[in-house]
Amino acid sequence: MWSIIEAAGWPIWTIILASVVASTIVLERFYSLRAALIIPPNLLAQTLQEYRRAAVSQSMLAELRDHSPLGRLFAAGLRQFGNSREVMKEAIEDEGRVVAHLLERYLTMLGTIAAMAPLLGLLGTVIGMIEIFGSQAPGGTDPRALAHGISVALYNTAFGLIVAIPSMFFYRHFRARIDGLLVEMEAQAVHLLEAVHGERRGD
């Protein structure tokens, strides 16, 4: 591997750095976007049970907000308890935008790496071509310089694509996963809203 890096020249280090950052983001997002962390099971039922037992309290809202992203939506809606359904729904939607922004953390960087890695590979290719042309001399061509220039060009192109393709794949995967999580959180928040207002009408 070290011989390949040496053959690829200094431009490969920019691609290696991009690959390290991309790998770190992918691992972090896999850990942070687990469904059990974002949408804990039975949280809706537990919240309704607590609401029916002791109504809405500041301690309940604080516990929900610190519990999970779904808990933040529940807390935002219940904080408007006593107001109209539309006010509660608007509060949930506002908090939902904040939660969506938090879930999309680092994805912009991952998408940037997916777009930039081929360009970094192209930069290495251009530098390799410059070395190839630089190896031309009136007395003939230096085979070693020619071979090095070709290695720089080809290795950087290949490594750029090797980094870009998985980065784009995981970027799309995480975007789709976040969209699915947001839809599920919205559905559970609406169920909470309907349950709270249904019971208020029953009172």
C-alpha atoms as a PDB file:
ATOM      1  CA  MET A   1       0.000   0.000   0.000  1.00  0.00           C
ATOM      2  CA  TRP A   2       2.796   2.392   0.861  1.00  0.00           C
ATOM      3  CA  SER A   3       4.400   1.746  -2.539  1.00  0.00           C
ATOM      4  CA  ILE A   4       1.107   2.670  -4.217  1.00  0.00           C
ATOM      5  CA  ILE A   5       0.889   5.889  -2.200  1.00  0.00           C
ATOM      6  CA  GLU A   6       4.466   6.739  -3.152  1.00  0.00           C
ATOM      7  CA  ALA A   7       3.707   6.040  -6.811  1.00  0.00           C
ATOM      8  CA  ALA A   8       0.602   8.226  -6.680  1.00  0.00           C
ATOM      9  CA  GLY A   9       2.579  11.266  -5.509  1.00  0.00           C
ATOM     10  CA  TRP A  10       1.611  14.038  -3.122  1.00  0.00           C
ATOM     11  CA  PRO A  11      -1.905  14.668  -4.561  1.00  0.00           C
ATOM     12  CA  ILE A  12      -3.043  11.331  -3.107  1.00  0.00           C
ATOM     13  CA  TRP A  13      -2.753  12.735   0.419  1.00  0.00           C
ATOM     14  CA  THR A  14      -5.674  15.096  -0.174  1.00  0.00           C
ATOM     15  CA  ILE A  15      -7.790  12.120  -1.229  1.00  0.00           C
ATOM     16  CA  ILE A  16      -6.651  10.075   1.775  1.00  0.00           C
ATOM     17  CA  LEU A  17      -7.624  12.941   4.079  1.00  0.00           C
ATOM     18  CA  ALA A  18     -11.044  13.121   2.399  1.00  0.00           C
ATOM     19  CA  SER A  19     -11.483   9.357   2.836  1.00  0.00           C
ATOM     20  CA  VAL A  20     -10.666   9.555   6.555  1.00  0.00           C
ATOM     21  CA  VAL A  21     -13.198  12.356   7.080  1.00  0.00           C
ATOM     22  CA  ALA A  22     -15.850  10.520   5.056  1.00  0.00           C
ATOM     23  CA  SER A  23     -15.300   7.261   6.968  1.00  0.00           C
ATOM     24  CA  THR A  24     -15.585   9.085  10.300  1.00  0.00           C
ATOM     25  CA  ILE A  25     -18.851  10.733   9.261  1.00  0.00           C
ATOM     26  CA  VAL A  26     -20.312   7.452   8.009  1.00  0.00           C
ATOM     27  CA  LEU A  27     -19.513   5.637  11.268  1.00  0.00           C
ATOM     28  CA  GLU A  28     -20.841   8.514  13.371  1.00  0.00           C
ATOM     29  CA  ARG A  29     -24.086   8.733  11.400  1.00  0.00           C
ATOM     30  CA  PHE A  30     -24.633   4.971  11.558  1.00  0.00           C
ATOM     31  CA  TYR A  31     -24.380   5.220  15.338  1.00  0.00           C
ATOM     32  CA  SER A  32     -26.405   8.432  15.759  1.00  0.00           C
ATOM     33  CA  LEU A  33     -29.235   7.580  13.363  1.00  0.00           C
ATOM     34  CA  ARG A  34     -30.267   4.331  15.011  1.00  0.00           C
ATOM     35  CA  ALA A  35     -34.041   4.129  15.206  1.00  0.00           C
ATOM     36  CA  ALA A  36     -33.934   3.220  18.895  1.00  0.00           C
ATOM     37  CA  LEU A  37     -32.178   6.508  19.659  1.00  0.00           C
ATOM     38  CA  ILE A  38     -34.329   8.712  17.427  1.00  0.00           C
ATOM     39  CA  ILE A  39     -37.728   7.065  17.900  1.00  0.00           C
ATOM     40  CA  PRO A  40     -37.621   5.084  21.144  1.00  0.00           C
ATOM     41  CA  PRO A  41     -40.237   2.329  21.228  1.00  0.00           C
ATOM     42  CA  ASN A  42     -43.245   2.896  23.471  1.00  0.00           C
ATOM     43  CA  LEU A  43     -42.391   6.567  24.048  1.00  0.00           C
ATOM     44  CA  LEU A  44     -45.798   7.632  22.711  1.00  0.00           C
ATOM     45  CA  ALA A  45     -47.620   5.247  25.043  1.00  0.00           C
ATOM     46  CA  GLN A  46     -45.475   6.282  28.014  1.00  0.00           C
ATOM     47  CA  THR A  47     -46.036   9.964  27.289  1.00  0.00           C
ATOM     48  CA  LEU A  48     -49.798   9.538  27.082  1.00  0.00           C
ATOM     49  CA  GLN A  49     -49.781   7.485  30.278  1.00  0.00           C
ATOM     50  CA  GLU A  50     -47.829  10.202  32.103  1.00  0.00           C
ATOM     51  CA  TYR A  51     -50.098  12.891  30.645  1.00  0.00           C
ATOM     52  CA  ARG A  52     -53.208  11.083  31.880  1.00  0.00           C
ATOM     53  CA  ARG A  53     -51.663  10.476  35.284  1.00  0.00           C
ATOM     54  CA  ALA A  54     -50.300  13.931  36.076  1.00  0.00           C
ATOM     55  CA  ALA A  55     -51.179  16.163  33.103  1.00  0.00           C
ATOM     56  CA  VAL A  56     -48.387  18.413  31.845  1.00  0.00           C
ATOM     57  CA  SER A  57     -45.583  19.510  34.159  1.00  0.00           C
ATOM     58  CA  GLN A  58     -42.268  21.260  33.662  1.00  0.00           C
ATOM     59  CA  SER A  59     -40.377  18.206  34.827  1.00  0.00           C
ATOM     60  CA  MET A  60     -42.228  16.060  32.301  1.00  0.00           C
ATOM     61  CA  LEU A  61     -41.422  18.495  29.475  1.00  0.00           C
ATOM     62  CA  ALA A  62     -37.749  18.689  30.467  1.00  0.00           C
ATOM     63  CA  GLU A  63     -37.474  14.904  30.629  1.00  0.00           C
ATOM     64  CA  LEU A  64     -39.083  14.507  27.216  1.00  0.00           C
ATOM     65  CA  ARG A  65     -36.864  17.159  25.628  1.00  0.00           C
ATOM     66  CA  ASP A  66     -33.708  15.475  26.898  1.00  0.00           C
ATOM     67  CA  HIS A  67     -34.940  11.985  26.090  1.00  0.00           C
ATOM     68  CA  SER A  68     -34.696  11.833  22.289  1.00  0.00           C
ATOM     69  CA  PRO A  69     -35.512  13.755  19.093  1.00  0.00           C
ATOM     70  CA  LEU A  70     -39.042  12.317  19.195  1.00  0.00           C
ATOM     71  CA  GLY A  71     -39.314  13.447  22.804  1.00  0.00           C
ATOM     72  CA  ARG A  72     -38.395  16.977  21.677  1.00  0.00           C
ATOM     73  CA  LEU A  73     -41.413  16.979  19.339  1.00  0.00           C
ATOM     74  CA  PHE A  74     -43.691  15.719  22.090  1.00  0.00           C
ATOM     75  CA  ALA A  75     -42.377  18.347  24.513  1.00  0.00           C
ATOM     76  CA  ALA A  76     -42.852  21.130  21.952  1.00  0.00           C
ATOM     77  CA  GLY A  77     -46.471  20.133  21.421  1.00  0.00           C
ATOM     78  CA  LEU A  78     -47.327  19.581  25.072  1.00  0.00           C
ATOM     79  CA  ARG A  79     -45.736  22.896  26.002  1.00  0.00           C
ATOM     80  CA  GLN A  80     -48.678  24.478  24.168  1.00  0.00           C
ATOM     81  CA  PHE A  81     -51.176  22.417  26.138  1.00  0.00           C
ATOM     82  CA  GLY A  82     -54.342  24.425  26.610  1.00  0.00           C
ATOM     83  CA  ASN A  83     -54.020  26.186  23.262  1.00  0.00           C
ATOM     84  CA  SER A  84     -55.767  25.184  20.073  1.00  0.00           C
ATOM     85  CA  ARG A  85     -54.851  22.159  18.009  1.00  0.00           C
ATOM     86  CA  GLU A  86     -53.381  24.430  15.321  1.00  0.00           C
ATOM     87  CA  VAL A  87     -51.049  26.128  17.814  1.00  0.00           C
ATOM     88  CA  MET A  88     -49.820  22.781  19.114  1.00  0.00           C
ATOM     89  CA  LYS A  89     -49.318  21.485  15.585  1.00  0.00           C
ATOM     90  CA  GLU A  90     -47.374  24.592  14.577  1.00  0.00           C
ATOM     91  CA  ALA A  91     -45.119  24.208  17.623  1.00  0.00           C
ATOM     92  CA  ILE A  92     -44.430  20.587  16.671  1.00  0.00           C
ATOM     93  CA  GLU A  93     -43.647  21.570  13.078  1.00  0.00           C
ATOM     94  CA  ASP A  94     -41.263  24.314  14.223  1.00  0.00           C
ATOM     95  CA  GLU A  95     -39.426  21.899  16.491  1.00  0.00           C
ATOM     96  CA  GLY A  96     -39.449  19.339  13.708  1.00  0.00           C
ATOM     97  CA  ARG A  97     -37.389  21.650  11.531  1.00  0.00           C
ATOM     98  CA  VAL A  98     -34.828  21.987  14.310  1.00  0.00           C
ATOM     99  CA  VAL A  99     -34.723  18.208  14.782  1.00  0.00           C
ATOM    100  CA  ALA A 100     -34.328  17.673  11.029  1.00  0.00           C
ATOM    101  CA  HIS A 101     -31.356  20.046  11.025  1.00  0.00           C
ATOM    102  CA  LEU A 102     -29.752  18.087  13.874  1.00  0.00           C
ATOM    103  CA  LEU A 103     -30.307  14.753  12.143  1.00  0.00           C
ATOM    104  CA  GLU A 104     -28.679  16.089   8.960  1.00  0.00           C
ATOM    105  CA  ARG A 105     -25.501  17.043  10.846  1.00  0.00           C
ATOM    106  CA  TYR A 106     -22.317  16.344   8.832  1.00  0.00           C
ATOM    107  CA  LEU A 107     -24.270  15.217   5.751  1.00  0.00           C
ATOM    108  CA  THR A 108     -23.344  18.382   3.880  1.00  0.00           C
ATOM    109  CA  MET A 109     -19.680  17.566   4.457  1.00  0.00           C
ATOM    110  CA  LEU A 110     -20.206  13.987   3.269  1.00  0.00           C
ATOM    111  CA  GLY A 111     -21.956  15.219   0.126  1.00  0.00           C
ATOM    112  CA  THR A 112     -19.151  17.709  -0.488  1.00  0.00           C
ATOM    113  CA  ILE A 113     -16.562  14.941  -0.253  1.00  0.00           C
ATOM    114  CA  ALA A 114     -18.577  12.816  -2.685  1.00  0.00           C
ATOM    115  CA  ALA A 115     -18.545  15.699  -5.163  1.00  0.00           C
ATOM    116  CA  MET A 116     -14.968  16.834  -4.559  1.00  0.00           C
ATOM    117  CA  ALA A 117     -13.145  13.475  -4.504  1.00  0.00           C
ATOM    118  CA  PRO A 118     -13.321  13.003  -8.312  1.00  0.00           C
ATOM    119  CA  LEU A 119     -12.046  16.563  -8.718  1.00  0.00           C
ATOM    120  CA  LEU A 120      -9.129  15.801  -6.408  1.00  0.00           C
ATOM    121  CA  GLY A 121      -8.468  12.731  -8.527  1.00  0.00           C
ATOM    122  CA  LEU A 122      -8.599  14.913 -11.628  1.00  0.00           C
ATOM    123  CA  LEU A 123      -6.106  17.282 -10.032  1.00  0.00           C
ATOM    124  CA  GLY A 124      -3.745  14.368  -9.534  1.00  0.00           C
ATOM    125  CA  THR A 125      -4.307  13.326 -13.130  1.00  0.00           C
ATOM    126  CA  VAL A 126      -3.411  16.785 -14.386  1.00  0.00           C
ATOM    127  CA  ILE A 127      -0.286  16.855 -12.213  1.00  0.00           C
ATOM    128  CA  GLY A 128       0.667  13.435 -13.561  1.00  0.00           C
ATOM    129  CA  MET A 129       0.216  14.654 -17.144  1.00  0.00           C
ATOM    130  CA  ILE A 130       2.385  17.670 -16.383  1.00  0.00           C
ATOM    131  CA  GLU A 131       5.106  15.325 -15.127  1.00  0.00           C
ATOM    132  CA  ILE A 132       4.764  13.234 -18.280  1.00  0.00           C
ATOM    133  CA  PHE A 133       5.228  16.267 -20.508  1.00  0.00           C
ATOM    134  CA  GLY A 134       8.027  17.463 -18.271  1.00  0.00           C
ATOM    135  CA  SER A 135       9.872  14.202 -18.836  1.00  0.00           C
ATOM    136  CA  GLN A 136      10.173  14.992 -22.533  1.00  0.00           C
ATOM    137  CA  ALA A 137      13.640  16.286 -23.403  1.00  0.00           C
ATOM    138  CA  PRO A 138      15.569  16.901 -26.618  1.00  0.00           C
ATOM    139  CA  GLY A 139      17.781  13.936 -25.822  1.00  0.00           C
ATOM    140  CA  GLY A 140      14.842  11.588 -25.354  1.00  0.00           C
ATOM    141  CA  THR A 141      12.336  10.555 -22.718  1.00  0.00           C
ATOM    142  CA  ASP A 142      13.273   9.497 -19.207  1.00  0.00           C
ATOM    143  CA  PRO A 143      11.369   6.191 -18.754  1.00  0.00           C
ATOM    144  CA  ARG A 144      11.294   6.519 -14.974  1.00  0.00           C
ATOM    145  CA  ALA A 145       9.832  10.021 -15.091  1.00  0.00           C
ATOM    146  CA  LEU A 146       7.318   8.876 -17.694  1.00  0.00           C
ATOM    147  CA  ALA A 147       6.262   5.887 -15.585  1.00  0.00           C
ATOM    148  CA  HIS A 148       5.964   8.061 -12.480  1.00  0.00           C
ATOM    149  CA  GLY A 149       3.777  10.568 -14.290  1.00  0.00           C
ATOM    150  CA  ILE A 150       1.482   7.810 -15.521  1.00  0.00           C
ATOM    151  CA  SER A 151       1.264   6.354 -12.001  1.00  0.00           C
ATOM    152  CA  VAL A 152       0.338   9.729 -10.516  1.00  0.00           C
ATOM    153  CA  ALA A 153      -2.362  10.232 -13.149  1.00  0.00           C
ATOM    154  CA  LEU A 154      -3.966   6.800 -12.900  1.00  0.00           C
ATOM    155  CA  TYR A 155      -3.729   6.196  -9.156  1.00  0.00           C
ATOM    156  CA  ASN A 156      -5.213   9.566  -8.265  1.00  0.00           C
ATOM    157  CA  THR A 157      -8.099   9.075 -10.686  1.00  0.00           C
ATOM    158  CA  ALA A 158      -8.815   5.625  -9.263  1.00  0.00           C
ATOM    159  CA  PHE A 159      -8.554   6.674  -5.621  1.00  0.00           C
ATOM    160  CA  GLY A 160     -10.739   9.706  -6.235  1.00  0.00           C
ATOM    161  CA  LEU A 161     -13.502   7.471  -7.575  1.00  0.00           C
ATOM    162  CA  ILE A 162     -12.988   4.905  -4.812  1.00  0.00           C
ATOM    163  CA  VAL A 163     -13.671   7.621  -2.240  1.00  0.00           C
ATOM    164  CA  ALA A 164     -16.458   9.385  -4.163  1.00  0.00           C
ATOM    165  CA  ILE A 165     -18.658   6.370  -4.946  1.00  0.00           C
ATOM    166  CA  PRO A 166     -19.135   5.068  -1.359  1.00  0.00           C
ATOM    167  CA  SER A 167     -19.438   8.637  -0.059  1.00  0.00           C
ATOM    168  CA  MET A 168     -22.289   9.363  -2.468  1.00  0.00           C
ATOM    169  CA  PHE A 169     -23.935   6.025  -1.665  1.00  0.00           C
ATOM    170  CA  PHE A 170     -23.913   6.688   2.094  1.00  0.00           C
ATOM    171  CA  TYR A 171     -24.963  10.307   1.595  1.00  0.00           C
ATOM    172  CA  ARG A 172     -28.078   9.151  -0.272  1.00  0.00           C
ATOM    173  CA  HIS A 173     -28.657   6.357   2.226  1.00  0.00           C
ATOM    174  CA  PHE A 174     -28.573   8.680   5.221  1.00  0.00           C
ATOM    175  CA  ARG A 175     -30.768  11.250   3.496  1.00  0.00           C
ATOM    176  CA  ALA A 176     -33.402   8.578   2.831  1.00  0.00           C
ATOM    177  CA  ARG A 177     -33.071   7.264   6.384  1.00  0.00           C
ATOM    178  CA  ILE A 178     -33.556  10.722   7.867  1.00  0.00           C
ATOM    179  CA  ASP A 179     -36.608  11.330   5.675  1.00  0.00           C
ATOM    180  CA  GLY A 180     -38.109   8.066   6.902  1.00  0.00           C
ATOM    181  CA  LEU A 181     -37.393   8.898  10.531  1.00  0.00           C
ATOM    182  CA  LEU A 182     -38.942  12.344  10.164  1.00  0.00           C
ATOM    183  CA  VAL A 183     -42.107  10.893   8.629  1.00  0.00           C
ATOM    184  CA  GLU A 184     -42.421   8.406  11.504  1.00  0.00           C
ATOM    185  CA  MET A 185     -41.805  11.117  14.121  1.00  0.00           C
ATOM    186  CA  GLU A 186     -44.387  13.348  12.505  1.00  0.00           C
ATOM    187  CA  ALA A 187     -46.940  10.512  12.497  1.00  0.00           C
ATOM    188  CA  GLN A 188     -46.382   9.798  16.200  1.00  0.00           C
ATOM    189  CA  ALA A 189     -46.561  13.501  17.068  1.00  0.00           C
ATOM    190  CA  VAL A 190     -49.892  13.743  15.243  1.00  0.00           C
ATOM    191  CA  HIS A 191     -51.170  10.728  17.202  1.00  0.00           C
ATOM    192  CA  LEU A 192     -50.181  12.457  20.419  1.00  0.00           C
ATOM    193  CA  LEU A 193     -51.892  15.644  19.292  1.00  0.00           C
ATOM    194  CA  GLU A 194     -55.092  13.840  18.372  1.00  0.00           C
ATOM    195  CA  ALA A 195     -55.112  11.878  21.621  1.00  0.00           C
ATOM    196  CA  VAL A 196     -54.622  14.985  23.763  1.00  0.00           C
ATOM    197  CA  HIS A 197     -57.295  17.015  21.972  1.00  0.00           C
ATOM    198  CA  GLY A 198     -59.659  14.061  21.771  1.00  0.00           C
ATOM    199  CA  GLU A 199     -59.480  13.650  25.538  1.00  0.00           C
ATOM    200  CA  ARG A 200     -59.922  17.379  26.073  1.00  0.00           C
ATOM    201  CA  ARG A 201     -63.085  17.317  23.980  1.00  0.00           C
ATOM    202  CA  GLY A 202     -64.233  14.302  26.012  1.00  0.00           C
ATOM    203  CA  ASP A 203     -63.710  16.297  29.191  1.00  0.00           C
END
